[in-house]
PDB file of N, CA and C in Angstrom:
ATOM      1  N   MET A   1      93.489 150.031-160.523  1.00  0.00           N
ATOM      2  CA  MET A   1      92.945 150.124-159.091  1.00  0.00           C
ATOM      3  C   MET A   1      92.606 151.835-158.278  1.00  0.00           C
ATOM      4  N   ALA A   2      91.585 152.124-158.117  1.00  0.00           N
ATOM      5  CA  ALA A   2      91.540 153.954-157.969  1.00  0.00           C
ATOM      6  C   ALA A   2      92.252 154.053-156.339  1.00  0.00           C
ATOM      7  N   ASP A   3      92.588 155.818-156.446  1.00  0.00           N
ATOM      8  CA  ASP A   3      92.719 155.822-155.513  1.00  0.00           C
ATOM      9  C   ASP A   3      92.047 155.914-154.865  1.00  0.00           C
ATOM     10  N   THR A   4      92.478 155.350-153.063  1.00  0.00           N
ATOM     11  CA  THR A   4      91.605 155.167-152.327  1.00  0.00           C
ATOM     12  C   THR A   4      91.939 156.125-151.397  1.00  0.00           C
ATOM     13  N   PRO A   5      91.345 156.916-150.496  1.00  0.00           N
ATOM     14  CA  PRO A   5      91.452 157.695-149.019  1.00  0.00           C
ATOM     15  C   PRO A   5      92.465 156.994-147.931  1.00  0.00           C
ATOM     16  N   MET A   6      93.249 156.999-147.248  1.00  0.00           N
ATOM     17  CA  MET A   6      93.340 156.377-146.484  1.00  0.00           C
ATOM     18  C   MET A   6      92.414 156.052-145.198  1.00  0.00           C
ATOM     19  N   TYR A   7      91.601 157.501-144.889  1.00  0.00           N
ATOM     20  CA  TYR A   7      90.578 157.820-144.238  1.00  0.00           C
ATOM     21  C   TYR A   7      89.744 158.072-144.946  1.00  0.00           C
ATOM     22  N   PRO A   8      88.236 157.581-144.821  1.00  0.00           N
ATOM     23  CA  PRO A   8      87.379 157.561-145.452  1.00  0.00           C
ATOM     24  C   PRO A   8      86.451 159.272-144.677  1.00  0.00           C
ATOM     25  N   HIS A   9      86.132 159.438-146.027  1.00  0.00           N
ATOM     26  CA  HIS A   9      85.006 161.121-145.231  1.00  0.00           C
ATOM     27  C   HIS A   9      84.414 160.825-144.389  1.00  0.00           C
ATOM     28  N   LEU A  10      83.782 161.205-143.378  1.00  0.00           N
ATOM     29  CA  LEU A  10      82.733 161.104-143.018  1.00  0.00           C
ATOM     30  C   LEU A  10      81.583 161.199-143.138  1.00  0.00           C
ATOM     31  N   SER A  11      80.431 159.894-142.907  1.00  0.00           N
ATOM     32  CA  SER A  11      79.529 160.784-143.592  1.00  0.00           C
ATOM     33  C   SER A  11      78.114 160.378-142.887  1.00  0.00           C
ATOM     34  N   ALA A  12      76.848 160.654-143.299  1.00  0.00           N
ATOM     35  CA  ALA A  12      75.850 159.725-142.468  1.00  0.00           C
ATOM     36  C   ALA A  12      75.998 158.826-142.721  1.00  0.00           C
ATOM     37  N   ASP A  13      76.090 157.849-143.467  1.00  0.00           N
ATOM     38  CA  ASP A  13      75.926 156.165-143.345  1.00  0.00           C
ATOM     39  C   ASP A  13      76.886 155.797-142.552  1.00  0.00           C
ATOM     40  N   ILE A  14      78.023 156.202-142.608  1.00  0.00           N
ATOM     41  CA  ILE A  14      78.915 155.901-141.125  1.00  0.00           C
ATOM     42  C   ILE A  14      78.612 156.040-139.810  1.00  0.00           C
ATOM     43  N   ALA A  15      78.271 157.096-139.852  1.00  0.00           N
ATOM     44  CA  ALA A  15      76.903 157.665-138.503  1.00  0.00           C
ATOM     45  C   ALA A  15      75.680 156.605-138.291  1.00  0.00           C
ATOM     46  N   LYS A  16      75.291 156.286-139.247  1.00  0.00           N
ATOM     47  CA  LYS A  16      74.183 155.451-138.492  1.00  0.00           C
ATOM     48  C   LYS A  16      74.635 154.138-138.703  1.00  0.00           C
ATOM     49  N   LYS A  17      75.237 153.055-139.547  1.00  0.00           N
ATOM     50  CA  LYS A  17      75.843 152.454-138.991  1.00  0.00           C
ATOM     51  C   LYS A  17      76.524 152.089-137.543  1.00  0.00           C
ATOM     52  N   ARG A  18      77.332 153.113-137.603  1.00  0.00           N
ATOM     53  CA  ARG A  18      78.202 152.474-135.809  1.00  0.00           C
ATOM     54  C   ARG A  18      76.683 152.924-135.078  1.00  0.00           C
ATOM     55  N   ALA A  19      75.469 153.687-134.969  1.00  0.00           N
ATOM     56  CA  ALA A  19      74.737 153.948-134.196  1.00  0.00           C
ATOM     57  C   ALA A  19      73.938 152.245-134.022  1.00  0.00           C
ATOM     58  N   GLU A  20      73.543 151.725-135.542  1.00  0.00           N
ATOM     59  CA  GLU A  20      72.992 150.281-135.313  1.00  0.00           C
ATOM     60  C   GLU A  20      73.764 149.568-134.790  1.00  0.00           C
ATOM     61  N   LEU A  21      75.258 149.709-135.237  1.00  0.00           N
ATOM     62  CA  LEU A  21      75.857 148.475-134.535  1.00  0.00           C
ATOM     63  C   LEU A  21      76.067 148.322-132.994  1.00  0.00           C
ATOM     64  N   ALA A  22      76.186 149.387-132.211  1.00  0.00           N
ATOM     65  CA  ALA A  22      76.466 149.529-131.134  1.00  0.00           C
ATOM     66  C   ALA A  22      75.642 151.237-130.275  1.00  0.00           C
ATOM     67  N   PRO A  23      74.426 150.825-130.101  1.00  0.00           N
ATOM     68  CA  PRO A  23      73.971 152.043-130.097  1.00  0.00           C
ATOM     69  C   PRO A  23      74.063 153.015-128.421  1.00  0.00           C
ATOM     70  N   GLU A  24      74.350 151.583-127.319  1.00  0.00           N
ATOM     71  CA  GLU A  24      74.665 152.573-126.046  1.00  0.00           C
ATOM     72  C   GLU A  24      75.471 152.507-125.987  1.00  0.00           C
ATOM     73  N   PRO A  25      76.283 152.281-126.569  1.00  0.00           N
ATOM     74  CA  PRO A  25      78.057 153.013-126.215  1.00  0.00           C
ATOM     75  C   PRO A  25      78.298 153.819-126.909  1.00  0.00           C
ATOM     76  N   LEU A  26      77.540 154.008-127.955  1.00  0.00           N
ATOM     77  CA  LEU A  26      77.120 155.242-128.196  1.00  0.00           C
ATOM     78  C   LEU A  26      76.881 156.486-127.637  1.00  0.00           C
ATOM     79  N   ALA A  27      75.890 156.132-127.455  1.00  0.00           N
ATOM     80  CA  ALA A  27      75.185 157.648-126.462  1.00  0.00           C
ATOM     81  C   ALA A  27      75.917 157.687-125.181  1.00  0.00           C
ATOM     82  N   ALA A  28      76.807 157.067-124.738  1.00  0.00           N
ATOM     83  CA  ALA A  28      77.494 157.141-123.964  1.00  0.00           C
ATOM     84  C   ALA A  28      78.127 157.722-124.116  1.00  0.00           C
ATOM     85  N   PHE A  29      79.319 157.838-124.945  1.00  0.00           N
ATOM     86  CA  PHE A  29      80.281 158.285-125.260  1.00  0.00           C
ATOM     87  C   PHE A  29      79.759 159.695-125.657  1.00  0.00           C
ATOM     88  N   LYS A  30      78.912 160.001-126.497  1.00  0.00           N
ATOM     89  CA  LYS A  30      78.442 161.338-126.467  1.00  0.00           C
ATOM     90  C   LYS A  30      78.041 162.133-125.797  1.00  0.00           C
ATOM     91  N   ALA A  31      77.590 161.801-124.525  1.00  0.00           N
ATOM     92  CA  ALA A  31      77.293 162.077-123.166  1.00  0.00           C
ATOM     93  C   ALA A  31      78.276 162.259-122.086  1.00  0.00           C
ATOM     94  N   PHE A  32      79.541 161.167-122.449  1.00  0.00           N
ATOM     95  CA  PHE A  32      81.093 161.422-121.837  1.00  0.00           C
ATOM     96  C   PHE A  32      81.515 162.724-122.462  1.00  0.00           C
ATOM     97  N   SER A  33      81.514 162.695-123.701  1.00  0.00           N
ATOM     98  CA  SER A  33      82.161 163.547-124.226  1.00  0.00           C
ATOM     99  C   SER A  33      81.325 165.430-124.347  1.00  0.00           C
ATOM    100  N   LYS A  34      79.807 165.277-123.893  1.00  0.00           N
ATOM    101  CA  LYS A  34      79.829 166.695-123.439  1.00  0.00           C
ATOM    102  C   LYS A  34      79.521 166.979-122.689  1.00  0.00           C
ATOM    103  N   ALA A  35      79.861 166.211-121.671  1.00  0.00           N
ATOM    104  CA  ALA A  35      80.163 166.175-120.078  1.00  0.00           C
ATOM    105  C   ALA A  35      81.828 166.674-120.057  1.00  0.00           C
ATOM    106  N   VAL A  36      82.772 166.132-120.738  1.00  0.00           N
ATOM    107  CA  VAL A  36      83.751 166.882-120.622  1.00  0.00           C
ATOM    108  C   VAL A  36      84.397 168.164-121.263  1.00  0.00           C
ATOM    109  N   PHE A  37      83.478 168.512-122.323  1.00  0.00           N
ATOM    110  CA  PHE A  37      83.879 169.669-123.078  1.00  0.00           C
ATOM    111  C   PHE A  37      82.666 170.734-122.733  1.00  0.00           C
ATOM    112  N   ALA A  38      82.357 170.309-121.608  1.00  0.00           N
ATOM    113  CA  ALA A  38      81.648 171.481-121.438  1.00  0.00           C
ATOM    114  C   ALA A  38      82.013 172.112-120.306  1.00  0.00           C
ATOM    115  N   GLU A  39      81.407 173.938-120.029  1.00  0.00           N
ATOM    116  CA  GLU A  39      82.519 174.751-119.467  1.00  0.00           C
ATOM    117  C   GLU A  39      82.321 174.106-117.740  1.00  0.00           C
ATOM    118  N   GLY A  40      83.604 174.405-117.389  1.00  0.00           N
ATOM    119  CA  GLY A  40      83.839 174.223-115.747  1.00  0.00           C
ATOM    120  C   GLY A  40      85.110 175.315-115.699  1.00  0.00           C
ATOM    121  N   ALA A  41      85.690 174.036-114.615  1.00  0.00           N
ATOM    122  CA  ALA A  41      86.928 174.571-114.256  1.00  0.00           C
ATOM    123  C   ALA A  41      87.575 175.028-115.322  1.00  0.00           C
ATOM    124  N   LEU A  42      88.275 174.686-116.362  1.00  0.00           N
ATOM    125  CA  LEU A  42      88.839 175.181-117.288  1.00  0.00           C
ATOM    126  C   LEU A  42      87.864 175.350-118.777  1.00  0.00           C
ATOM    127  N   ASP A  43      87.493 176.538-119.484  1.00  0.00           N
ATOM    128  CA  ASP A  43      86.850 177.251-120.563  1.00  0.00           C
ATOM    129  C   ASP A  43      87.032 176.374-121.764  1.00  0.00           C
ATOM    130  N   ALA A  44      86.344 176.397-122.504  1.00  0.00           N
ATOM    131  CA  ALA A  44      85.896 175.789-124.028  1.00  0.00           C
ATOM    132  C   ALA A  44      87.574 176.110-124.608  1.00  0.00           C
ATOM    133  N   ARG A  45      87.904 176.750-124.890  1.00  0.00           N
ATOM    134  CA  ARG A  45      88.951 177.595-125.427  1.00  0.00           C
ATOM    135  C   ARG A  45      90.042 176.688-125.213  1.00  0.00           C
ATOM    136  N   THR A  46      90.666 176.984-123.753  1.00  0.00           N
ATOM    137  CA  THR A  46      91.398 175.656-123.121  1.00  0.00           C
ATOM    138  C   THR A  46      91.495 174.456-123.303  1.00  0.00           C
ATOM    139  N   LYS A  47      89.547 173.973-123.111  1.00  0.00           N
ATOM    140  CA  LYS A  47      90.036 172.383-123.247  1.00  0.00           C
ATOM    141  C   LYS A  47      89.774 172.005-124.717  1.00  0.00           C
ATOM    142  N   GLN A  48      89.869 172.815-125.639  1.00  0.00           N
ATOM    143  CA  GLN A  48      89.937 172.923-127.583  1.00  0.00           C
ATOM    144  C   GLN A  48      91.333 172.468-127.704  1.00  0.00           C
ATOM    145  N   LEU A  49      91.657 173.729-127.171  1.00  0.00           N
ATOM    146  CA  LEU A  49      93.577 172.991-127.161  1.00  0.00           C
ATOM    147  C   LEU A  49      94.187 172.465-126.606  1.00  0.00           C
ATOM    148  N   ILE A  50      94.070 171.758-125.870  1.00  0.00           N
ATOM    149  CA  ILE A  50      94.267 170.258-124.725  1.00  0.00           C
ATOM    150  C   ILE A  50      93.795 169.180-126.109  1.00  0.00           C
ATOM    151  N   ALA A  51      92.549 169.265-126.517  1.00  0.00           N
ATOM    152  CA  ALA A  51      92.404 167.744-127.197  1.00  0.00           C
ATOM    153  C   ALA A  51      93.151 167.894-128.327  1.00  0.00           C
ATOM    154  N   VAL A  52      93.400 169.923-129.158  1.00  0.00           N
ATOM    155  CA  VAL A  52      94.378 169.637-130.325  1.00  0.00           C
ATOM    156  C   VAL A  52      95.654 168.869-129.774  1.00  0.00           C
ATOM    157  N   ALA A  53      96.308 169.191-129.003  1.00  0.00           N
ATOM    158  CA  ALA A  53      97.984 168.853-128.531  1.00  0.00           C
ATOM    159  C   ALA A  53      97.492 167.024-129.029  1.00  0.00           C
ATOM    160  N   VAL A  54      96.386 166.446-127.652  1.00  0.00           N
ATOM    161  CA  VAL A  54      96.710 165.289-127.398  1.00  0.00           C
ATOM    162  C   VAL A  54      96.035 164.741-128.776  1.00  0.00           C
ATOM    163  N   ALA A  55      95.550 165.451-129.854  1.00  0.00           N
ATOM    164  CA  ALA A  55      94.514 165.043-131.062  1.00  0.00           C
ATOM    165  C   ALA A  55      95.876 164.497-132.315  1.00  0.00           C
ATOM    166  N   HIS A  56      96.976 165.376-131.719  1.00  0.00           N
ATOM    167  CA  HIS A  56      98.030 164.982-132.102  1.00  0.00           C
ATOM    168  C   HIS A  56      99.202 163.785-131.646  1.00  0.00           C
ATOM    169  N   VAL A  57      99.344 163.476-130.587  1.00  0.00           N
ATOM    170  CA  VAL A  57      99.921 162.374-129.589  1.00  0.00           C
ATOM    171  C   VAL A  57      99.104 161.315-130.453  1.00  0.00           C
ATOM    172  N   THR A  58      98.106 161.232-130.330  1.00  0.00           N
ATOM    173  CA  THR A  58      97.168 160.044-130.484  1.00  0.00           C
ATOM    174  C   THR A  58      97.091 159.832-132.188  1.00  0.00           C
ATOM    175  N   GLN A  59      97.182 160.920-132.822  1.00  0.00           N
ATOM    176  CA  GLN A  59      97.671 160.941-134.484  1.00  0.00           C
ATOM    177  C   GLN A  59      96.255 160.331-134.737  1.00  0.00           C
ATOM    178  N   CYS A  60      95.139 160.758-134.408  1.00  0.00           N
ATOM    179  CA  CYS A  60      93.868 160.895-135.227  1.00  0.00           C
ATOM    180  C   CYS A  60      93.264 162.145-136.113  1.00  0.00           C
ATOM    181  N   PRO A  61      93.280 161.571-137.137  1.00  0.00           N
ATOM    182  CA  PRO A  61      93.409 162.743-138.237  1.00  0.00           C
ATOM    183  C   PRO A  61      92.181 163.434-138.140  1.00  0.00           C
ATOM    184  N   TYR A  62      90.776 162.758-137.710  1.00  0.00           N
ATOM    185  CA  TYR A  62      89.846 163.237-137.734  1.00  0.00           C
ATOM    186  C   TYR A  62      89.466 163.894-136.253  1.00  0.00           C
ATOM    187  N   CYS A  63      90.121 163.711-134.807  1.00  0.00           N
ATOM    188  CA  CYS A  63      90.147 164.405-134.229  1.00  0.00           C
ATOM    189  C   CYS A  63      90.911 165.377-134.309  1.00  0.00           C
ATOM    190  N   ILE A  64      92.323 165.666-135.372  1.00  0.00           N
ATOM    191  CA  ILE A  64      92.794 166.874-135.212  1.00  0.00           C
ATOM    192  C   ILE A  64      92.254 167.807-135.832  1.00  0.00           C
ATOM    193  N   LYS A  65      91.670 167.391-136.988  1.00  0.00           N
ATOM    194  CA  LYS A  65      90.754 168.428-137.810  1.00  0.00           C
ATOM    195  C   LYS A  65      89.242 168.744-136.926  1.00  0.00           C
ATOM    196  N   GLY A  66      88.621 168.099-136.696  1.00  0.00           N
ATOM    197  CA  GLY A  66      87.668 168.603-135.618  1.00  0.00           C
ATOM    198  C   GLY A  66      87.855 169.776-134.376  1.00  0.00           C
ATOM    199  N   HIS A  67      88.681 168.789-133.519  1.00  0.00           N
ATOM    200  CA  HIS A  67      89.126 170.117-132.722  1.00  0.00           C
ATOM    201  C   HIS A  67      89.953 171.190-132.624  1.00  0.00           C
ATOM    202  N   THR A  68      90.533 171.272-133.669  1.00  0.00           N
ATOM    203  CA  THR A  68      91.154 172.758-134.544  1.00  0.00           C
ATOM    204  C   THR A  68      90.403 173.463-134.345  1.00  0.00           C
ATOM    205  N   GLU A  69      89.404 173.193-135.739  1.00  0.00           N
ATOM    206  CA  GLU A  69      88.097 174.060-135.573  1.00  0.00           C
ATOM    207  C   GLU A  69      87.483 173.955-134.718  1.00  0.00           C
ATOM    208  N   GLY A  70      87.433 173.749-133.256  1.00  0.00           N
ATOM    209  CA  GLY A  70      86.487 173.614-132.305  1.00  0.00           C
ATOM    210  C   GLY A  70      87.337 174.739-131.392  1.00  0.00           C
ATOM    211  N   ALA A  71      88.591 174.651-131.490  1.00  0.00           N
ATOM    212  CA  ALA A  71      89.958 175.539-130.625  1.00  0.00           C
ATOM    213  C   ALA A  71      89.607 177.018-131.268  1.00  0.00           C
ATOM    214  N   ALA A  72      89.596 176.613-132.737  1.00  0.00           N
ATOM    215  CA  ALA A  72      89.640 178.185-133.546  1.00  0.00           C
ATOM    216  C   ALA A  72      87.574 178.645-133.269  1.00  0.00           C
ATOM    217  N   ARG A  73      87.217 178.126-133.198  1.00  0.00           N
ATOM    218  CA  ARG A  73      85.575 178.530-132.812  1.00  0.00           C
ATOM    219  C   ARG A  73      85.156 179.098-131.629  1.00  0.00           C
ATOM    220  N   ALA A  74      86.226 178.291-130.710  1.00  0.00           N
ATOM    221  CA  ALA A  74      85.963 178.626-129.282  1.00  0.00           C
ATOM    222  C   ALA A  74      87.012 180.186-129.070  1.00  0.00           C
ATOM    223  N   GLY A  75      87.626 180.503-130.107  1.00  0.00           N
ATOM    224  CA  GLY A  75      88.582 181.741-129.773  1.00  0.00           C
ATOM    225  C   GLY A  75      90.245 181.709-130.016  1.00  0.00           C
ATOM    226  N   ALA A  76      90.340 180.239-130.230  1.00  0.00           N
ATOM    227  CA  ALA A  76      92.049 180.355-130.095  1.00  0.00           C
ATOM    228  C   ALA A  76      92.394 180.726-130.762  1.00  0.00           C
ATOM    229  N   SER A  77      93.711 181.478-131.170  1.00  0.00           N
ATOM    230  CA  SER A  77      94.277 181.852-132.527  1.00  0.00           C
ATOM    231  C   SER A  77      95.279 180.679-133.126  1.00  0.00           C
ATOM    232  N   GLU A  78      95.633 180.870-134.119  1.00  0.00           N
ATOM    233  CA  GLU A  78      96.195 179.950-135.336  1.00  0.00           C
ATOM    234  C   GLU A  78      97.597 179.889-134.670  1.00  0.00           C
ATOM    235  N   ALA A  79      98.250 180.729-133.699  1.00  0.00           N
ATOM    236  CA  ALA A  79      99.412 181.210-132.977  1.00  0.00           C
ATOM    237  C   ALA A  79      99.126 179.660-131.812  1.00  0.00           C
ATOM    238  N   GLN A  80      98.332 180.180-130.825  1.00  0.00           N
ATOM    239  CA  GLN A  80      97.773 179.071-129.782  1.00  0.00           C
ATOM    240  C   GLN A  80      97.174 177.802-130.104  1.00  0.00           C
ATOM    241  N   ILE A  81      97.107 177.645-131.266  1.00  0.00           N
ATOM    242  CA  ILE A  81      96.624 176.518-131.923  1.00  0.00           C
ATOM    243  C   ILE A  81      98.303 175.933-131.883  1.00  0.00           C
ATOM    244  N   MET A  82      99.256 176.214-132.620  1.00  0.00           N
ATOM    245  CA  MET A  82     100.580 175.811-132.720  1.00  0.00           C
ATOM    246  C   MET A  82     101.323 176.170-131.939  1.00  0.00           C
ATOM    247  N   GLU A  83     101.425 176.269-130.819  1.00  0.00           N
ATOM    248  CA  GLU A  83     101.852 176.276-129.709  1.00  0.00           C
ATOM    249  C   GLU A  83     101.332 174.570-128.969  1.00  0.00           C
ATOM    250  N   ALA A  84      99.948 174.914-128.695  1.00  0.00           N
ATOM    251  CA  ALA A  84      99.867 173.569-128.435  1.00  0.00           C
ATOM    252  C   ALA A  84      99.980 172.523-129.132  1.00  0.00           C
ATOM    253  N   ILE A  85     100.337 172.223-130.373  1.00  0.00           N
ATOM    254  CA  ILE A  85     100.590 171.279-131.015  1.00  0.00           C
ATOM    255  C   ILE A  85     102.301 171.013-130.663  1.00  0.00           C
ATOM    256  N   TRP A  86     103.159 171.962-130.622  1.00  0.00           N
ATOM    257  CA  TRP A  86     104.091 172.209-130.385  1.00  0.00           C
ATOM    258  C   TRP A  86     104.448 171.786-128.755  1.00  0.00           C
ATOM    259  N   VAL A  87     103.826 171.730-127.777  1.00  0.00           N
ATOM    260  CA  VAL A  87     104.049 171.557-126.127  1.00  0.00           C
ATOM    261  C   VAL A  87     103.630 169.723-126.400  1.00  0.00           C
ATOM    262  N   ALA A  88     102.574 169.657-127.634  1.00  0.00           N
ATOM    263  CA  ALA A  88     102.240 168.239-127.408  1.00  0.00           C
ATOM    264  C   ALA A  88     103.639 166.928-127.491  1.00  0.00           C
ATOM    265  N   ALA A  89     104.334 167.882-129.113  1.00  0.00           N
ATOM    266  CA  ALA A  89     105.497 167.034-129.031  1.00  0.00           C
ATOM    267  C   ALA A  89     106.520 166.811-128.652  1.00  0.00           C
ATOM    268  N   GLU A  90     106.673 168.288-127.805  1.00  0.00           N
ATOM    269  CA  GLU A  90     107.702 167.911-127.025  1.00  0.00           C
ATOM    270  C   GLU A  90     107.097 167.331-125.777  1.00  0.00           C
ATOM    271  N   MET A  91     106.192 166.723-125.443  1.00  0.00           N
ATOM    272  CA  MET A  91     106.146 165.870-124.255  1.00  0.00           C
ATOM    273  C   MET A  91     106.119 164.528-124.452  1.00  0.00           C
ATOM    274  N   ARG A  92     105.859 164.303-125.852  1.00  0.00           N
ATOM    275  CA  ARG A  92     105.821 162.772-126.563  1.00  0.00           C
ATOM    276  C   ARG A  92     107.306 162.738-126.631  1.00  0.00           C
ATOM    277  N   ALA A  93     108.321 163.762-127.304  1.00  0.00           N
ATOM    278  CA  ALA A  93     109.375 163.546-126.997  1.00  0.00           C
ATOM    279  C   ALA A  93     109.862 163.588-125.487  1.00  0.00           C
ATOM    280  N   GLY A  94     109.677 163.847-124.471  1.00  0.00           N
ATOM    281  CA  GLY A  94     109.742 164.130-123.550  1.00  0.00           C
ATOM    282  C   GLY A  94     110.031 162.269-122.506  1.00  0.00           C
ATOM    283  N   GLY A  95     108.465 162.051-122.967  1.00  0.00           N
ATOM    284  CA  GLY A  95     108.037 160.838-122.890  1.00  0.00           C
ATOM    285  C   GLY A  95     109.243 159.424-123.137  1.00  0.00           C
ATOM    286  N   ALA A  96     109.575 159.717-124.305  1.00  0.00           N
ATOM    287  CA  ALA A  96     110.763 158.841-124.905  1.00  0.00           C
ATOM    288  C   ALA A  96     111.812 159.000-124.346  1.00  0.00           C
ATOM    289  N   TYR A  97     112.550 160.257-123.887  1.00  0.00           N
ATOM    290  CA  TYR A  97     113.680 160.038-122.964  1.00  0.00           C
ATOM    291  C   TYR A  97     113.558 159.838-121.582  1.00  0.00           C
ATOM    292  N   ALA A  98     112.454 160.224-120.849  1.00  0.00           N
ATOM    293  CA  ALA A  98     112.412 159.892-119.485  1.00  0.00           C
ATOM    294  C   ALA A  98     112.191 158.295-119.360  1.00  0.00           C
ATOM    295  N   HIS A  99     111.973 157.478-120.385  1.00  0.00           N
ATOM    296  CA  HIS A  99     111.576 156.042-120.319  1.00  0.00           C
ATOM    297  C   HIS A  99     112.585 155.580-120.747  1.00  0.00           C
ATOM    298  N   SER A 100     114.150 156.424-121.310  1.00  0.00           N
ATOM    299  CA  SER A 100     115.211 155.787-121.651  1.00  0.00           C
ATOM    300  C   SER A 100     115.729 154.921-120.371  1.00  0.00           C
ATOM    301  N   ALA A 101     115.517 155.320-118.749  1.00  0.00           N
ATOM    302  CA  ALA A 101     115.993 155.563-117.495  1.00  0.00           C
ATOM    303  C   ALA A 101     115.814 153.886-117.598  1.00  0.00           C
ATOM    304  N   LEU A 102     114.466 153.348-117.951  1.00  0.00           N
ATOM    305  CA  LEU A 102     114.428 151.989-118.134  1.00  0.00           C
ATOM    306  C   LEU A 102     115.635 150.826-118.751  1.00  0.00           C
ATOM    307  N   ALA A 103     116.023 151.556-120.187  1.00  0.00           N
ATOM    308  CA  ALA A 103     116.796 151.099-120.839  1.00  0.00           C
ATOM    309  C   ALA A 103     118.366 151.037-119.990  1.00  0.00           C
ATOM    310  N   LEU A 104     118.389 152.148-119.664  1.00  0.00           N
ATOM    311  CA  LEU A 104     119.437 152.088-119.126  1.00  0.00           C
ATOM    312  C   LEU A 104     119.565 151.063-117.934  1.00  0.00           C
ATOM    313  N   GLN A 105     118.764 150.984-117.266  1.00  0.00           N
ATOM    314  CA  GLN A 105     118.499 150.210-116.327  1.00  0.00           C
ATOM    315  C   GLN A 105     119.031 148.620-116.446  1.00  0.00           C
ATOM    316  N   THR A 106     118.041 148.004-117.782  1.00  0.00           N
ATOM    317  CA  THR A 106     118.073 146.754-117.887  1.00  0.00           C
ATOM    318  C   THR A 106     119.787 146.484-118.490  1.00  0.00           C
ATOM    319  N   LEU A 107     120.437 147.717-118.873  1.00  0.00           N
ATOM    320  CA  LEU A 107     121.666 147.313-119.713  1.00  0.00           C
ATOM    321  C   LEU A 107     122.702 147.351-118.355  1.00  0.00           C
ATOM    322  N   ALA A 108     122.572 147.958-117.232  1.00  0.00           N
ATOM    323  CA  ALA A 108     122.890 147.582-116.108  1.00  0.00           C
ATOM    324  C   ALA A 108     122.831 146.151-115.272  1.00  0.00           C
ATOM    325  N   GLU A 109     121.933 145.832-115.362  1.00  0.00           N
ATOM    326  CA  GLU A 109     121.611 144.684-114.751  1.00  0.00           C
ATOM    327  C   GLU A 109     122.171 143.882-115.544  1.00  0.00           C
ATOM    328  N   ARG A 110     122.029 143.965-117.030  1.00  0.00           N
ATOM    329  CA  ARG A 110     122.861 143.094-117.561  1.00  0.00           C
ATOM    330  C   ARG A 110     123.946 142.597-117.080  1.00  0.00           C
ATOM    331  N   LYS A 111     124.973 144.005-116.648  1.00  0.00           N
ATOM    332  CA  LYS A 111     126.175 143.974-116.635  1.00  0.00           C
ATOM    333  C   LYS A 111     126.206 142.791-115.211  1.00  0.00           C
ATOM    334  N   GLY A 112     125.235 142.937-114.321  1.00  0.00           N
ATOM    335  CA  GLY A 112     125.323 142.396-113.357  1.00  0.00           C
ATOM    336  C   GLY A 112     126.388 143.552-112.184  1.00  0.00           C
TER     337      GLY A 112
END
């Protein structure tokens, strides 16, 4: 059995197949993405740094690669990119800690 990567390399064939199978949602997604990443109250660099952080929380390897590239292209430094990743890590850990209140409440309710 040949080594097969977990995530296939994105190709024109994959893009074509996606477009053939669901052209309307794809067009809507592309328009949405373009609108979200357009300059606005937040600049392009900040938006890409947010995307890098979220990509690490959602654990999408394609998003990690694409938005890390986008952040660097928008002028983010390597230190800024790494700091955004650490913020995401803290928020993910913080969410688990904050939600421990539900577990503690459940345990207290069991005691009556």
